[in-house]
Amino acid sequence: MFSNHLYWNGKLLLLILVVGLLSSCSQSQKAFLADKYSDFPKEKELRGEVIELDTALFRYPFRIRIKGDKAIVMDLHGSDCYGHLFQYPGFQYLSSFGRRGDSPTEMLSMENFRFHNHKVWTLDANKSELTRLDFSSSGDSLLREETVTLDEDILRPLDFA
């Protein structure tokens, strides 16, 4: 009795699948889609200009901050340095800072940076350090002035205001 019941359930399921398949292949859906996309595709010509660069500074530019005539671009995956200083608004390259490495004067990462009172503060969360940089007398580079080690009670500071 139980096997007879499974037999009829299998036949009923097969019948439902066949009816569903046949009803989904109706002409009305094709006509509906043809009406919806009748004006498709529209073509437009795109033109571009190749600008040759001397050097590729960035691998993953992430943050840009501008203060007065200086702009800093943070490169999240920089090969040598995390920050690059530019003259603004022309974006002429001045220098790079935040050397990547594990020595006391280098950075494991740079999560953020801020301009404050004509100085630049950077956050290296992996070393739990804030570093203050000051502009050189010529204004074309940043020099390391002070490093503040953050308290261990602060759990991985991701950002600072």
Protein backbone atom coordinates (compact mmCIF):
# COMPACT_ATOMS: atom_id res chain seq x y z
CA MET A 1 0.00 0.00 0.00
CA PHE A 2 2.80 2.41 0.93
CA SER A 3 4.75 1.72 -2.28
CA ASN A 4 1.60 2.27 -4.34
CA HIS A 5 1.20 5.66 -2.64
CA LEU A 6 4.80 6.65 -3.54
CA TYR A 7 4.20 5.53 -7.12
CA TRP A 8 1.19 7.87 -7.52
CA ASN A 9 3.01 10.76 -5.77
CA GLY A 10 5.91 10.34 -8.20
CA LYS A 11 3.56 10.39 -11.19
CA LEU A 12 1.78 13.48 -9.81
CA LEU A 13 5.11 15.28 -9.31
CA LEU A 14 6.20 14.39 -12.85
CA LEU A 15 2.88 15.69 -14.24
CA ILE A 16 3.27 18.99 -12.34
CA LEU A 17 6.82 19.43 -13.68
CA VAL A 18 5.75 18.74 -17.29
CA VAL A 19 2.79 21.16 -17.05
CA GLY A 20 5.04 23.81 -15.46
CA LEU A 21 7.67 23.38 -18.15
CA LEU A 22 5.15 23.62 -20.98
CA SER A 23 3.42 26.67 -19.50
CA SER A 24 6.71 28.51 -18.99
CA CYS A 25 7.57 28.12 -22.67
CA SER A 26 4.58 30.10 -23.86
CA GLN A 27 4.87 32.78 -26.53
CA SER A 28 3.41 35.54 -24.36
CA GLN A 29 6.58 35.98 -22.27
CA LYS A 30 8.76 36.28 -25.36
CA ALA A 31 6.43 38.94 -26.75
CA PHE A 32 6.54 40.76 -23.40
CA LEU A 33 10.36 40.81 -23.37
CA ALA A 34 10.50 41.89 -27.01
CA ASP A 35 8.32 44.91 -26.21
CA LYS A 36 10.34 45.82 -23.15
CA TYR A 37 13.71 45.88 -24.93
CA SER A 38 12.63 46.97 -28.41
CA ASP A 39 14.71 50.19 -28.27
CA PHE A 40 17.79 48.35 -27.03
CA PRO A 41 20.81 48.75 -27.50
CA LYS A 42 21.75 52.40 -27.76
CA GLU A 43 25.27 53.00 -28.94
CA LYS A 44 27.55 55.85 -27.94
CA GLU A 45 31.14 56.39 -28.92
CA LEU A 46 33.62 56.86 -26.09
CA ARG A 47 36.90 58.64 -26.60
CA GLY A 48 39.83 58.77 -24.24
CA GLU A 49 43.22 60.38 -24.09
CA VAL A 50 46.26 58.50 -22.82
CA ILE A 51 48.42 60.58 -20.50
CA GLU A 52 51.94 59.24 -20.09
CA LEU A 53 53.26 59.32 -16.52
CA ASP A 54 56.86 59.34 -15.39
CA THR A 55 56.24 57.03 -12.50
CA ALA A 56 53.39 55.20 -10.83
CA LEU A 57 53.26 56.32 -7.20
CA PHE A 58 50.06 54.64 -6.08
CA ARG A 59 48.93 51.06 -5.79
CA TYR A 60 45.68 51.77 -3.91
CA PRO A 61 45.05 55.49 -3.25
CA PHE A 62 42.57 55.60 -0.38
CA ARG A 63 42.27 58.97 1.38
CA ILE A 64 42.97 62.50 0.19
CA ARG A 65 43.21 65.50 2.50
CA ILE A 66 43.82 69.08 1.41
CA LYS A 67 44.93 71.94 3.65
CA GLY A 68 45.94 75.25 2.10
CA ASP A 69 48.40 74.64 -0.73
CA LYS A 70 49.25 71.05 0.33
CA ALA A 71 47.50 67.79 -0.48
CA ILE A 72 48.27 64.38 0.97
CA VAL A 73 47.21 61.13 -0.68
CA MET A 74 47.27 57.97 1.41
CA ASP A 75 48.20 54.78 -0.42
CA LEU A 76 46.77 51.79 1.42
CA HIS A 77 49.09 49.23 -0.20
CA GLY A 78 52.08 51.42 -1.02
CA SER A 79 55.23 49.51 -1.90
CA ASP A 80 57.61 51.89 -0.05
CA CYS A 81 55.58 54.66 1.61
CA TYR A 82 52.00 55.09 2.78
CA GLY A 83 51.68 58.87 2.27
CA HIS A 84 52.52 61.20 -0.59
CA LEU A 85 52.70 64.99 -0.35
CA PHE A 86 51.66 67.18 -3.30
CA GLN A 87 51.49 70.88 -4.09
CA TYR A 88 47.83 71.85 -4.44
CA PRO A 89 45.97 72.57 -6.78
CA GLY A 90 48.42 71.45 -9.48
CA PHE A 91 49.23 68.16 -7.74
CA GLN A 92 52.98 68.46 -8.35
CA TYR A 93 54.71 65.71 -6.39
CA LEU A 94 56.81 66.93 -3.45
CA SER A 95 57.74 63.91 -1.31
CA SER A 96 56.65 60.66 0.28
CA PHE A 97 56.49 59.79 3.97
CA GLY A 98 55.43 56.99 6.29
CA ARG A 99 58.02 54.47 5.15
CA ARG A 100 56.75 50.91 5.24
CA GLY A 101 58.61 48.61 7.62
CA ASP A 102 59.11 47.36 11.16
CA SER A 103 61.89 49.62 12.46
CA PRO A 104 61.11 52.25 15.13
CA THR A 105 60.91 55.04 12.54
CA GLU A 106 58.85 53.04 10.04
CA MET A 107 55.15 52.17 9.93
CA LEU A 108 53.42 48.79 9.78
CA SER A 109 50.28 50.46 8.44
CA MET A 110 48.65 53.85 8.09
CA GLU A 111 44.95 53.84 8.88
CA ASN A 112 44.38 57.59 8.84
CA PHE A 113 46.03 61.00 8.94
CA ARG A 114 44.92 64.50 9.89
CA PHE A 115 46.16 68.05 9.46
CA HIS A 116 46.27 69.90 12.81
CA ASN A 117 47.94 73.28 13.49
CA HIS A 118 50.23 73.14 10.42
CA LYS A 119 51.32 69.63 11.35
CA VAL A 120 50.25 66.16 10.20
CA TRP A 121 49.27 63.35 12.57
CA THR A 122 49.23 59.74 11.36
CA LEU A 123 47.77 56.63 12.98
CA ASP A 124 49.54 53.27 12.83
CA ALA A 125 47.04 50.98 14.56
CA ASN A 126 49.20 47.88 14.17
CA LYS A 127 51.97 49.48 16.25
CA SER A 128 49.42 51.47 18.36
CA GLU A 129 51.20 54.73 17.56
CA LEU A 130 50.28 58.28 16.65
CA THR A 131 53.07 60.10 14.82
CA ARG A 132 53.37 63.88 14.45
CA LEU A 133 55.06 65.14 11.30
CA ASP A 134 56.05 68.75 10.63
CA PHE A 135 56.74 70.46 7.32
CA SER A 136 60.38 71.18 6.51
CA SER A 137 61.46 74.83 6.31
CA SER A 138 61.09 74.72 2.52
CA GLY A 139 57.62 73.16 2.89
CA ASP A 140 58.33 70.40 0.39
CA SER A 141 58.61 67.44 2.77
CA LEU A 142 57.35 66.11 6.10
CA LEU A 143 59.76 65.37 8.95
CA ARG A 144 59.02 63.04 11.86
CA GLU A 145 58.79 65.03 15.11
CA GLU A 146 57.13 62.90 17.76
CA THR A 147 55.63 59.45 18.28
CA VAL A 148 52.99 58.76 20.91
CA THR A 149 52.43 55.16 21.96
CA LEU A 150 48.78 54.46 22.67
CA ASP A 151 47.67 52.71 25.86
CA GLU A 152 47.03 48.97 25.58
CA ASP A 153 43.54 49.48 27.05
CA ILE A 154 42.53 50.97 23.72
CA LEU A 155 41.45 48.04 21.58
CA ARG A 156 42.84 48.48 18.07
CA PRO A 157 42.06 52.13 17.35
CA LEU A 158 40.69 52.17 13.84
CA ASP A 159 40.27 55.90 13.43
CA PHE A 160 40.83 59.18 15.20
CA ALA A 161 39.11 62.56 14.90
